[in-house]
Amino acid sequence: MSKKTDIRNRNAAITAYRMREKGFTYNHIAEHLGKKPHQIKSLILLGERLESLNEGTTQ
């Protein structure tokens, strides 16, 4: 993957995780990100890991 693609995927994962925390459904998240609903669960899990890393470095 190129660097820009990697950054884009990480941003999408963090966005998916934050949207899920706010109560959005997988279908709503998929529609917002332009992805298919079956791709969202893995994005949310990745976003959760990335978010926990961000919290660890900012403290």
Protein backbone atom coordinates (compact mmCIF):
# COMPACT_ATOMS: atom_id res chain seq x y z
CA MET A 1 0.00 0.00 0.00
CA SER A 2 1.11 3.51 -0.64
CA LYS A 3 1.53 5.91 2.23
CA LYS A 4 -1.53 7.99 1.25
CA THR A 5 -3.72 4.90 0.99
CA ASP A 6 -2.54 3.74 4.40
CA ILE A 7 -3.32 7.13 5.94
CA ARG A 8 -6.76 7.17 4.29
CA ASN A 9 -7.57 3.69 5.61
CA ARG A 10 -6.47 4.59 9.13
CA ASN A 11 -8.59 7.73 9.10
CA ALA A 12 -11.59 5.73 7.88
CA ALA A 13 -11.03 3.19 10.66
CA ILE A 14 -10.91 5.85 13.37
CA THR A 15 -14.01 7.53 11.92
CA ALA A 16 -15.86 4.20 11.86
CA TYR A 17 -14.90 3.50 15.48
CA ARG A 18 -16.04 6.94 16.65
CA MET A 19 -19.32 6.69 14.72
CA ARG A 20 -20.01 3.26 16.24
CA GLU A 21 -19.39 4.68 19.73
CA LYS A 22 -22.03 7.33 18.99
CA GLY A 23 -24.57 4.62 18.11
CA PHE A 24 -24.52 4.53 14.32
CA THR A 25 -25.32 1.19 12.66
CA TYR A 26 -22.94 -0.65 10.36
CA ASN A 27 -25.11 0.31 7.38
CA HIS A 28 -24.99 4.02 8.23
CA ILE A 29 -21.23 3.90 8.73
CA ALA A 30 -20.74 2.02 5.45
CA GLU A 31 -22.86 4.56 3.58
CA HIS A 32 -20.95 7.47 5.11
CA LEU A 33 -17.53 6.01 4.30
CA GLY A 34 -18.47 4.62 0.89
CA LYS A 35 -17.71 1.04 1.94
CA LYS A 36 -19.71 -2.19 2.06
CA PRO A 37 -21.39 -3.14 5.36
CA HIS A 38 -19.36 -6.35 5.73
CA GLN A 39 -16.12 -4.28 5.75
CA ILE A 40 -17.13 -2.14 8.71
CA LYS A 41 -16.54 -4.57 11.58
CA SER A 42 -12.84 -4.92 10.78
CA LEU A 43 -12.54 -1.15 10.30
CA ILE A 44 -14.08 -0.56 13.73
CA LEU A 45 -11.67 -3.01 15.37
CA LEU A 46 -8.70 -1.36 13.65
CA GLY A 47 -10.00 2.07 14.67
CA GLU A 48 -10.30 0.91 18.27
CA ARG A 49 -6.66 -0.23 18.29
CA LEU A 50 -5.46 2.98 16.65
CA GLU A 51 -7.47 5.13 19.03
CA SER A 52 -6.05 3.32 22.06
CA LEU A 53 -2.53 3.91 20.70
CA ASN A 54 -3.32 7.61 20.24
CA GLU A 55 -4.59 7.87 23.82
CA GLY A 56 -1.45 6.18 25.12
CA THR A 57 0.88 8.60 23.37
CA THR A 58 -0.98 11.76 24.37
CA GLN A 59 -0.96 11.07 28.09
